[in-house]
N, C-alpha and C. Protein backbone atom coordinates (compact mmCIF):
# COMPACT_ATOMS: atom_id res chain seq x y z
N MET A 1 -107.03 99.80 -25.40
CA MET A 1 -107.57 98.79 -24.35
C MET A 1 -106.45 97.90 -23.98
N LYS A 2 -106.45 97.65 -22.66
CA LYS A 2 -105.45 96.63 -21.98
C LYS A 2 -106.20 95.52 -21.32
N PRO A 3 -105.93 94.28 -21.42
CA PRO A 3 -106.47 93.24 -20.81
C PRO A 3 -106.34 93.40 -19.16
N ILE A 4 -107.48 93.00 -18.58
CA ILE A 4 -107.49 92.76 -17.19
C ILE A 4 -107.74 91.23 -16.78
N VAL A 5 -108.24 90.42 -17.70
CA VAL A 5 -108.22 89.03 -17.43
C VAL A 5 -107.43 88.37 -18.52
N SER A 6 -106.57 87.20 -17.92
CA SER A 6 -105.80 86.57 -18.93
C SER A 6 -106.32 85.08 -18.90
N ILE A 7 -106.78 84.64 -20.04
CA ILE A 7 -107.09 83.16 -20.35
C ILE A 7 -106.08 82.53 -20.82
N ILE A 8 -105.42 81.51 -20.01
CA ILE A 8 -104.31 80.75 -20.35
C ILE A 8 -104.76 79.36 -20.62
N MET A 9 -104.35 78.66 -21.70
CA MET A 9 -104.73 77.18 -21.85
C MET A 9 -103.47 76.40 -22.15
N GLY A 10 -103.48 75.21 -21.70
CA GLY A 10 -102.25 74.29 -21.92
C GLY A 10 -101.91 74.15 -23.50
N SER A 11 -103.04 74.20 -24.30
CA SER A 11 -102.73 73.89 -25.70
C SER A 11 -104.08 74.50 -26.52
N THR A 12 -103.98 74.94 -27.70
CA THR A 12 -105.07 75.34 -28.53
C THR A 12 -106.14 74.27 -28.54
N SER A 13 -105.83 73.09 -28.30
CA SER A 13 -106.88 72.21 -28.31
C SER A 13 -108.15 72.22 -27.12
N ASP A 14 -107.81 73.19 -26.31
CA ASP A 14 -108.68 73.62 -25.26
C ASP A 14 -109.46 74.60 -25.63
N LEU A 15 -109.28 75.30 -26.83
CA LEU A 15 -109.97 76.53 -27.11
C LEU A 15 -111.53 76.29 -27.28
N PRO A 16 -112.10 75.14 -27.83
CA PRO A 16 -113.40 74.96 -27.85
C PRO A 16 -114.04 75.10 -26.51
N VAL A 17 -113.42 74.64 -25.53
CA VAL A 17 -114.03 74.81 -24.30
C VAL A 17 -113.94 76.34 -23.70
N MET A 18 -112.70 76.72 -24.05
CA MET A 18 -112.45 78.07 -23.33
C MET A 18 -113.26 79.19 -24.14
N GLU A 19 -113.65 78.95 -25.19
CA GLU A 19 -114.48 79.92 -25.99
C GLU A 19 -115.58 80.54 -25.20
N LYS A 20 -116.22 79.65 -24.39
CA LYS A 20 -117.22 80.07 -23.50
C LYS A 20 -116.87 81.09 -22.37
N ALA A 21 -115.68 81.08 -22.02
CA ALA A 21 -115.10 82.09 -21.08
C ALA A 21 -115.07 83.45 -21.93
N ALA A 22 -114.34 83.27 -23.07
CA ALA A 22 -114.02 84.47 -23.84
C ALA A 22 -115.43 85.16 -24.29
N THR A 23 -116.46 84.40 -24.53
CA THR A 23 -117.71 84.86 -25.11
C THR A 23 -118.38 85.70 -23.83
N PHE A 24 -118.32 85.15 -22.59
CA PHE A 24 -118.85 85.80 -21.52
C PHE A 24 -118.11 87.11 -21.20
N LEU A 25 -116.83 87.04 -21.18
CA LEU A 25 -115.93 88.28 -20.86
C LEU A 25 -116.30 89.30 -21.92
N ASN A 26 -116.28 88.96 -23.08
CA ASN A 26 -116.71 89.66 -24.26
C ASN A 26 -118.07 90.48 -24.07
N ASP A 27 -119.20 89.59 -23.73
CA ASP A 27 -120.47 90.25 -23.41
C ASP A 27 -120.47 91.13 -22.22
N MET A 28 -119.47 90.75 -21.38
CA MET A 28 -119.60 91.70 -20.16
C MET A 28 -118.63 93.03 -20.34
N HIS A 29 -118.09 93.02 -21.62
CA HIS A 29 -117.15 94.19 -21.94
C HIS A 29 -116.09 94.22 -20.98
N VAL A 30 -115.48 93.07 -20.61
CA VAL A 30 -114.09 93.00 -19.96
C VAL A 30 -113.07 92.75 -20.94
N PRO A 31 -112.18 93.61 -20.87
CA PRO A 31 -111.01 93.37 -21.75
C PRO A 31 -110.12 92.02 -21.43
N PHE A 32 -109.86 91.19 -22.31
CA PHE A 32 -109.01 90.08 -22.03
C PHE A 32 -108.06 89.64 -23.03
N GLU A 33 -107.26 88.66 -22.75
CA GLU A 33 -106.41 88.04 -23.61
C GLU A 33 -106.45 86.57 -23.54
N ILE A 34 -106.07 85.91 -24.66
CA ILE A 34 -106.06 84.47 -24.65
C ILE A 34 -104.43 84.06 -25.26
N ASN A 35 -104.12 83.13 -24.46
CA ASN A 35 -102.58 82.64 -24.77
C ASN A 35 -102.56 81.23 -24.47
N ALA A 36 -101.72 80.35 -25.23
CA ALA A 36 -101.53 79.01 -25.02
C ALA A 36 -100.08 78.96 -24.41
N LEU A 37 -99.95 78.40 -23.10
CA LEU A 37 -98.70 78.25 -22.44
C LEU A 37 -98.74 76.99 -21.80
N SER A 38 -97.66 76.14 -21.64
CA SER A 38 -97.65 74.81 -21.11
C SER A 38 -96.81 74.74 -19.93
N ALA A 39 -97.33 74.28 -18.88
CA ALA A 39 -96.30 74.11 -17.65
C ALA A 39 -95.24 73.19 -17.90
N HIS A 40 -95.38 72.28 -18.84
CA HIS A 40 -94.50 71.19 -19.15
C HIS A 40 -93.66 71.39 -20.33
N ARG A 41 -94.28 72.11 -21.46
CA ARG A 41 -93.44 72.22 -22.65
C ARG A 41 -92.88 73.71 -22.70
N THR A 42 -93.39 74.74 -22.06
CA THR A 42 -92.96 75.98 -21.95
C THR A 42 -92.69 76.60 -20.66
N PRO A 43 -92.18 75.87 -19.72
CA PRO A 43 -92.13 76.34 -18.36
C PRO A 43 -91.56 77.63 -18.27
N GLU A 44 -90.53 78.12 -18.97
CA GLU A 44 -89.92 79.41 -18.79
C GLU A 44 -91.04 80.45 -19.18
N ALA A 45 -91.80 80.28 -20.17
CA ALA A 45 -92.76 81.20 -20.68
C ALA A 45 -93.76 81.43 -19.55
N VAL A 46 -94.29 80.22 -18.96
CA VAL A 46 -95.22 80.35 -18.03
C VAL A 46 -94.47 81.10 -16.74
N THR A 47 -93.42 80.90 -16.38
CA THR A 47 -92.85 81.89 -15.30
C THR A 47 -92.76 83.20 -15.49
N GLU A 48 -92.34 83.48 -16.86
CA GLU A 48 -92.28 84.89 -17.25
C GLU A 48 -93.66 85.56 -17.21
N PHE A 49 -94.64 84.77 -17.83
CA PHE A 49 -96.05 85.40 -17.84
C PHE A 49 -96.76 85.52 -16.35
N SER A 50 -96.29 84.74 -15.34
CA SER A 50 -96.73 84.61 -14.04
C SER A 50 -96.08 85.90 -13.27
N HIS A 51 -94.90 86.05 -13.49
CA HIS A 51 -94.13 87.12 -12.96
C HIS A 51 -94.45 88.60 -13.47
N ASN A 52 -94.93 88.72 -14.62
CA ASN A 52 -95.19 89.91 -15.27
C ASN A 52 -96.63 90.33 -15.30
N ALA A 53 -97.57 89.34 -15.01
CA ALA A 53 -98.90 89.54 -15.33
C ALA A 53 -99.44 90.53 -14.52
N ALA A 54 -99.38 90.82 -13.07
CA ALA A 54 -99.92 91.94 -12.37
C ALA A 54 -99.32 93.35 -13.00
N GLY A 55 -98.08 93.29 -13.21
CA GLY A 55 -97.44 94.47 -13.73
C GLY A 55 -97.95 94.89 -15.15
N ARG A 56 -98.50 94.04 -15.90
CA ARG A 56 -99.24 94.46 -17.18
C ARG A 56 -100.73 94.82 -16.90
N GLY A 57 -101.21 94.90 -15.79
CA GLY A 57 -102.48 95.18 -15.39
C GLY A 57 -103.59 93.92 -15.27
N ILE A 58 -103.15 92.88 -15.34
CA ILE A 58 -103.92 91.56 -15.31
C ILE A 58 -104.27 91.58 -13.91
N LYS A 59 -105.68 91.30 -13.75
CA LYS A 59 -106.27 91.42 -12.31
C LYS A 59 -106.83 89.86 -11.94
N VAL A 60 -107.06 89.13 -12.93
CA VAL A 60 -107.72 87.68 -12.66
C VAL A 60 -106.92 86.82 -13.80
N ILE A 61 -106.58 85.63 -13.56
CA ILE A 61 -106.15 84.70 -14.41
C ILE A 61 -106.92 83.40 -14.33
N ILE A 62 -107.39 83.10 -15.73
CA ILE A 62 -108.23 81.80 -15.91
C ILE A 62 -107.18 80.91 -16.56
N ALA A 63 -107.07 79.80 -15.92
CA ALA A 63 -106.07 78.91 -16.59
C ALA A 63 -106.67 77.39 -16.62
N ALA A 64 -106.64 76.85 -17.87
CA ALA A 64 -107.34 75.69 -18.17
C ALA A 64 -106.16 74.62 -18.78
N ALA A 65 -106.52 73.33 -18.27
CA ALA A 65 -105.56 72.25 -18.76
C ALA A 65 -106.26 71.06 -18.48
N GLY A 66 -105.82 70.12 -19.18
CA GLY A 66 -106.39 68.56 -19.11
C GLY A 66 -105.10 67.79 -18.48
N MET A 67 -105.56 66.37 -18.33
CA MET A 67 -104.75 65.50 -17.90
C MET A 67 -103.95 66.00 -16.60
N ALA A 68 -102.61 66.09 -16.47
CA ALA A 68 -101.91 66.29 -15.28
C ALA A 68 -102.40 67.75 -14.66
N ALA A 69 -102.53 68.55 -15.64
CA ALA A 69 -103.23 69.94 -15.13
C ALA A 69 -102.35 70.69 -14.27
N HIS A 70 -101.14 70.93 -14.51
CA HIS A 70 -100.31 71.54 -13.67
C HIS A 70 -100.42 72.97 -13.65
N LEU A 71 -100.93 73.40 -14.85
CA LEU A 71 -100.76 74.92 -15.39
C LEU A 71 -101.24 75.92 -14.28
N ALA A 72 -102.41 75.87 -13.84
CA ALA A 72 -103.05 76.76 -12.84
C ALA A 72 -102.26 76.65 -11.67
N GLY A 73 -101.87 75.61 -11.04
CA GLY A 73 -101.01 75.53 -9.81
C GLY A 73 -99.60 76.13 -9.97
N VAL A 74 -99.02 75.88 -11.21
CA VAL A 74 -97.74 76.69 -11.44
C VAL A 74 -97.74 78.01 -11.55
N ILE A 75 -98.90 78.57 -12.20
CA ILE A 75 -99.22 80.12 -12.21
C ILE A 75 -99.20 80.59 -10.77
N ALA A 76 -100.26 79.87 -10.09
CA ALA A 76 -100.54 80.41 -8.89
C ALA A 76 -99.42 80.38 -7.79
N ALA A 77 -98.53 79.48 -8.06
CA ALA A 77 -97.26 79.50 -7.11
C ALA A 77 -96.21 80.73 -7.36
N GLN A 78 -96.48 81.35 -8.55
CA GLN A 78 -95.67 82.58 -8.91
C GLN A 78 -96.30 83.82 -9.18
N THR A 79 -97.59 84.11 -8.51
CA THR A 79 -98.15 85.25 -8.70
C THR A 79 -99.18 85.41 -7.54
N THR A 80 -99.51 86.66 -7.13
CA THR A 80 -100.48 86.81 -5.85
C THR A 80 -101.84 87.08 -6.65
N LEU A 81 -101.98 87.22 -7.84
CA LEU A 81 -103.19 87.51 -8.57
C LEU A 81 -104.02 86.16 -8.48
N PRO A 82 -105.51 86.46 -8.39
CA PRO A 82 -106.30 85.09 -8.10
C PRO A 82 -106.25 84.42 -9.39
N VAL A 83 -106.30 83.04 -9.25
CA VAL A 83 -106.14 82.08 -10.38
C VAL A 83 -107.33 81.32 -10.26
N ILE A 84 -108.03 81.09 -11.43
CA ILE A 84 -109.24 80.31 -11.56
C ILE A 84 -108.92 79.00 -12.52
N GLY A 85 -109.02 77.97 -12.00
CA GLY A 85 -108.58 76.75 -12.88
C GLY A 85 -109.76 76.10 -13.49
N VAL A 86 -109.80 75.69 -14.77
CA VAL A 86 -110.73 75.08 -15.43
C VAL A 86 -110.16 73.57 -15.91
N PRO A 87 -110.57 72.64 -15.25
CA PRO A 87 -109.99 71.26 -15.77
C PRO A 87 -110.93 70.94 -17.02
N ILE A 88 -110.03 70.45 -17.78
CA ILE A 88 -110.55 70.18 -19.19
C ILE A 88 -110.76 68.58 -19.38
N LYS A 89 -111.75 68.19 -19.81
CA LYS A 89 -112.11 66.85 -19.87
C LYS A 89 -111.12 66.14 -21.03
N SER A 90 -110.28 65.27 -20.68
CA SER A 90 -109.42 64.51 -21.58
C SER A 90 -109.33 63.16 -21.26
N THR A 91 -108.38 62.72 -20.52
CA THR A 91 -108.36 61.43 -20.01
C THR A 91 -109.11 61.30 -18.73
N LEU A 92 -109.35 60.11 -18.33
CA LEU A 92 -110.10 59.90 -16.99
C LEU A 92 -111.46 60.85 -16.90
N GLU A 93 -112.08 61.11 -17.88
CA GLU A 93 -113.20 62.00 -17.95
C GLU A 93 -113.02 63.45 -17.37
N GLY A 94 -111.80 63.82 -17.18
CA GLY A 94 -111.45 65.18 -16.58
C GLY A 94 -111.15 65.16 -15.12
N MET A 95 -111.36 63.97 -14.42
CA MET A 95 -111.22 63.79 -13.10
C MET A 95 -109.62 64.03 -12.74
N ASP A 96 -108.72 63.59 -13.71
CA ASP A 96 -107.40 63.78 -13.25
C ASP A 96 -107.06 65.18 -13.23
N ALA A 97 -107.48 65.99 -13.97
CA ALA A 97 -107.35 67.56 -14.12
C ALA A 97 -107.91 68.27 -12.99
N LEU A 98 -109.18 67.64 -12.67
CA LEU A 98 -109.89 68.44 -11.51
C LEU A 98 -109.15 68.11 -10.19
N LEU A 99 -108.66 67.01 -10.05
CA LEU A 99 -107.87 66.62 -8.61
C LEU A 99 -106.67 67.41 -8.72
N ALA A 100 -105.91 67.72 -9.77
CA ALA A 100 -104.78 68.35 -9.91
C ALA A 100 -104.89 69.65 -9.60
N MET A 101 -105.96 70.26 -9.80
CA MET A 101 -106.14 71.80 -9.51
C MET A 101 -106.79 71.97 -8.17
N VAL A 102 -107.83 71.06 -7.56
CA VAL A 102 -108.27 71.26 -6.16
C VAL A 102 -107.32 70.83 -5.14
N GLN A 103 -106.48 69.93 -5.40
CA GLN A 103 -105.41 69.56 -4.27
C GLN A 103 -104.15 70.20 -4.12
N MET A 104 -104.38 71.41 -4.23
CA MET A 104 -103.14 72.49 -3.99
C MET A 104 -102.74 72.63 -2.78
N PRO A 105 -101.32 72.64 -2.29
CA PRO A 105 -100.84 72.76 -1.04
C PRO A 105 -101.36 74.07 -0.44
N PRO A 106 -101.42 74.19 0.95
CA PRO A 106 -101.74 75.37 1.58
C PRO A 106 -100.92 76.59 1.08
N GLY A 107 -101.44 77.75 0.86
CA GLY A 107 -100.83 78.86 0.42
C GLY A 107 -100.79 79.09 -1.02
N ILE A 108 -101.23 78.17 -1.73
CA ILE A 108 -101.07 78.27 -3.30
C ILE A 108 -102.51 77.70 -3.73
N PRO A 109 -103.58 78.68 -3.43
CA PRO A 109 -104.76 78.37 -3.81
C PRO A 109 -105.11 78.48 -5.38
N VAL A 110 -105.98 77.57 -5.85
CA VAL A 110 -106.62 77.80 -7.17
C VAL A 110 -108.02 77.62 -7.15
N ALA A 111 -108.74 78.60 -7.26
CA ALA A 111 -110.15 78.50 -7.20
C ALA A 111 -110.66 77.73 -8.51
N THR A 112 -111.26 76.59 -8.44
CA THR A 112 -111.42 75.53 -9.31
C THR A 112 -113.06 75.33 -9.68
N VAL A 113 -113.43 75.57 -10.97
CA VAL A 113 -114.75 75.25 -11.31
C VAL A 113 -114.87 73.77 -11.93
N GLY A 114 -115.98 73.41 -12.12
CA GLY A 114 -116.30 72.13 -12.79
C GLY A 114 -115.59 71.61 -14.02
N ILE A 115 -115.60 70.63 -14.21
CA ILE A 115 -114.77 69.96 -15.61
C ILE A 115 -115.41 70.76 -16.83
N ASN A 116 -114.58 71.26 -17.61
CA ASN A 116 -115.06 71.99 -18.80
C ASN A 116 -115.92 73.31 -18.47
N GLY A 117 -115.77 73.90 -17.25
CA GLY A 117 -116.60 75.04 -16.73
C GLY A 117 -116.06 76.17 -17.08
N ALA A 118 -115.71 76.53 -18.23
CA ALA A 118 -115.13 77.82 -18.71
C ALA A 118 -116.18 78.90 -18.54
N GLN A 119 -117.31 78.93 -18.76
CA GLN A 119 -118.27 79.95 -18.52
C GLN A 119 -118.33 80.37 -17.06
N ASN A 120 -118.40 79.30 -16.11
CA ASN A 120 -118.34 79.80 -14.71
C ASN A 120 -116.98 80.35 -14.42
N ALA A 121 -115.99 79.93 -14.78
CA ALA A 121 -114.74 80.55 -14.55
C ALA A 121 -114.80 81.99 -14.89
N ALA A 122 -115.37 82.33 -16.07
CA ALA A 122 -115.44 83.81 -16.50
C ALA A 122 -116.41 84.48 -15.55
N ILE A 123 -117.47 83.92 -15.02
CA ILE A 123 -118.44 84.31 -14.11
C ILE A 123 -117.79 84.81 -12.96
N LEU A 124 -117.08 83.72 -12.37
CA LEU A 124 -116.27 84.11 -11.08
C LEU A 124 -115.21 85.40 -11.36
N ALA A 125 -114.51 85.38 -12.45
CA ALA A 125 -113.62 86.42 -12.71
C ALA A 125 -114.32 87.68 -12.70
N VAL A 126 -115.59 87.66 -13.31
CA VAL A 126 -116.27 89.09 -13.53
C VAL A 126 -116.72 89.51 -11.78
N GLN A 127 -117.20 88.48 -11.12
CA GLN A 127 -117.64 88.68 -9.62
C GLN A 127 -116.50 89.26 -8.94
N VAL A 128 -115.25 88.83 -9.22
CA VAL A 128 -114.16 89.38 -8.49
C VAL A 128 -113.99 90.83 -9.06
N LEU A 129 -113.93 90.94 -10.22
CA LEU A 129 -113.60 92.45 -10.68
C LEU A 129 -114.75 93.30 -10.32
N ALA A 130 -116.12 92.76 -10.34
CA ALA A 130 -117.25 93.73 -10.06
C ALA A 130 -117.09 94.27 -8.60
N LEU A 131 -116.33 93.75 -7.69
CA LEU A 131 -116.04 94.34 -6.32
C LEU A 131 -115.60 95.70 -6.44
N SER A 132 -114.98 96.04 -7.59
CA SER A 132 -114.38 97.45 -7.70
C SER A 132 -114.77 98.20 -8.86
N ASP A 133 -115.80 97.76 -9.36
CA ASP A 133 -116.32 98.40 -10.75
C ASP A 133 -117.78 98.23 -10.78
N LYS A 134 -118.58 99.49 -10.49
CA LYS A 134 -119.90 99.61 -10.37
C LYS A 134 -120.66 99.26 -11.58
N ASP A 135 -120.14 99.66 -12.75
CA ASP A 135 -120.79 99.41 -14.07
C ASP A 135 -120.65 97.91 -14.29
N LEU A 136 -119.49 97.23 -14.08
CA LEU A 136 -119.53 95.83 -14.37
C LEU A 136 -120.47 95.03 -13.36
N ALA A 137 -120.49 95.75 -12.11
CA ALA A 137 -121.46 94.94 -11.16
C ALA A 137 -122.92 95.01 -11.69
N ALA A 138 -123.19 96.00 -12.43
CA ALA A 138 -124.56 96.27 -12.89
C ALA A 138 -124.75 95.36 -14.05
N ARG A 139 -123.93 95.25 -14.90
CA ARG A 139 -123.90 94.11 -15.92
C ARG A 139 -124.17 92.80 -15.45
N LEU A 140 -123.39 92.59 -14.62
CA LEU A 140 -123.47 91.09 -13.79
C LEU A 140 -124.80 90.96 -13.05
N ALA A 141 -125.21 91.88 -12.56
CA ALA A 141 -126.75 91.74 -11.90
C ALA A 141 -127.60 91.60 -13.14
N ASP A 142 -127.50 92.36 -14.07
CA ASP A 142 -128.53 92.08 -15.17
C ASP A 142 -128.45 90.62 -15.71
N TYR A 143 -127.21 90.28 -15.81
CA TYR A 143 -127.13 88.78 -16.31
C TYR A 143 -127.86 87.87 -15.42
N LYS A 144 -127.54 87.96 -14.07
CA LYS A 144 -128.04 86.96 -13.01
C LYS A 144 -129.60 87.13 -13.01
N GLU A 145 -130.26 88.25 -13.24
CA GLU A 145 -131.42 88.59 -13.43
C GLU A 145 -132.11 87.89 -14.54
N GLY A 146 -131.34 87.92 -15.63
CA GLY A 146 -131.73 87.08 -16.84
C GLY A 146 -131.80 85.58 -16.57
N LEU A 147 -130.92 85.21 -15.89
CA LEU A 147 -130.77 83.82 -15.37
C LEU A 147 -132.43 83.34 -14.73
N LYS A 148 -132.57 84.23 -13.83
CA LYS A 148 -134.02 84.10 -13.03
C LYS A 148 -135.14 84.20 -14.01
N ARG A 149 -135.16 85.13 -14.95
CA ARG A 149 -136.08 85.19 -15.76
C ARG A 149 -136.34 83.89 -16.56
N LYS A 150 -135.22 83.33 -17.07
CA LYS A 150 -135.21 82.09 -17.90
C LYS A 150 -135.94 80.96 -17.12
N ILE A 151 -135.84 80.83 -15.83
CA ILE A 151 -136.40 79.72 -15.00
C ILE A 151 -137.73 80.07 -14.75
N GLU A 152 -137.97 81.40 -14.53
CA GLU A 152 -139.48 81.74 -14.39
C GLU A 152 -140.33 81.42 -15.62
N LYS A 153 -139.85 81.66 -16.78
CA LYS A 153 -140.39 81.32 -18.06
C LYS A 153 -140.65 79.91 -18.23
N ALA A 154 -139.56 79.14 -17.89
CA ALA A 154 -139.55 77.53 -18.01
C ALA A 154 -140.72 76.96 -17.16
N ASN A 155 -140.79 77.72 -16.08
CA ASN A 155 -141.88 77.23 -15.16
C ASN A 155 -143.05 77.41 -15.52
N ALA A 156 -143.25 78.79 -16.01
CA ALA A 156 -144.57 79.06 -16.58
C ALA A 156 -145.07 78.21 -17.85
N ASP A 157 -144.00 77.80 -18.72
CA ASP A 157 -144.13 76.85 -19.82
C ASP A 157 -144.46 75.63 -19.27
N LEU A 158 -143.95 75.10 -18.25
CA LEU A 158 -144.15 73.76 -17.71
C LEU A 158 -145.64 73.65 -17.09
N ALA A 159 -146.18 74.63 -16.56
CA ALA A 159 -147.37 74.79 -16.14
C ALA A 159 -148.48 74.70 -17.08
N GLU A 160 -148.16 74.87 -18.58
CA GLU A 160 -149.00 74.60 -19.58
C GLU A 160 -148.81 73.14 -20.11
N VAL A 161 -148.14 72.45 -19.57
CA VAL A 161 -147.93 70.99 -20.16
C VAL A 161 -149.02 70.13 -19.43
N LYS A 162 -149.91 69.52 -20.20
CA LYS A 162 -151.08 68.86 -19.60
C LYS A 162 -150.77 67.23 -19.74
N TYR A 163 -150.94 66.76 -18.43
CA TYR A 163 -150.95 65.27 -18.43
C TYR A 163 -152.16 64.74 -17.57
N GLU A 164 -152.91 63.78 -17.84
CA GLU A 164 -154.03 63.47 -17.09
C GLU A 164 -153.85 63.38 -15.63
N PHE A 165 -152.71 63.04 -15.05
CA PHE A 165 -152.58 62.95 -13.50
C PHE A 165 -151.66 63.87 -13.18
N LYS A 166 -151.16 64.94 -13.92
CA LYS A 166 -150.48 66.08 -13.39
C LYS A 166 -151.23 66.93 -12.59
N CYS A 167 -150.70 67.33 -11.43
CA CYS A 167 -151.46 68.02 -10.42
C CYS A 167 -151.16 69.52 -10.29
N ASN A 168 -150.30 70.09 -11.21
CA ASN A 168 -149.95 71.36 -10.97
C ASN A 168 -149.94 72.13 -12.45
């Protein structure tokens, strides 16, 4: 089995957030890898990763970092693969990381999810991959249908809650 999604984080302190991405990819049966690389502490390794990812069969990269959060942008600058950024909440409630990811210059896009939004990053990666994989598309559709059923059940449960002046 070879990975087709790469989860890259600035340090292993990001793992508690990024486990949600790993869990979702695992549940969807998408082969993935997880590595720690730092745009600032291991720039050569980031460059090597970025240049070789497509050749290794990687199709989507999820890059997480906090604070200055240059990792996703540095990777995006060196590959044509889609890069999904996950800003990690650390200093400034994660706004510094969010802004570092969304304010990329023209030609170097980083699709960015919300602060600590690792699961959404994995869902977005699966949506990209599902464009060319019917089985994965079916698993994703089942997942989305499950979300719908949860809300329908929640609404049915709310209908049973009684208050004197509740009208529904």
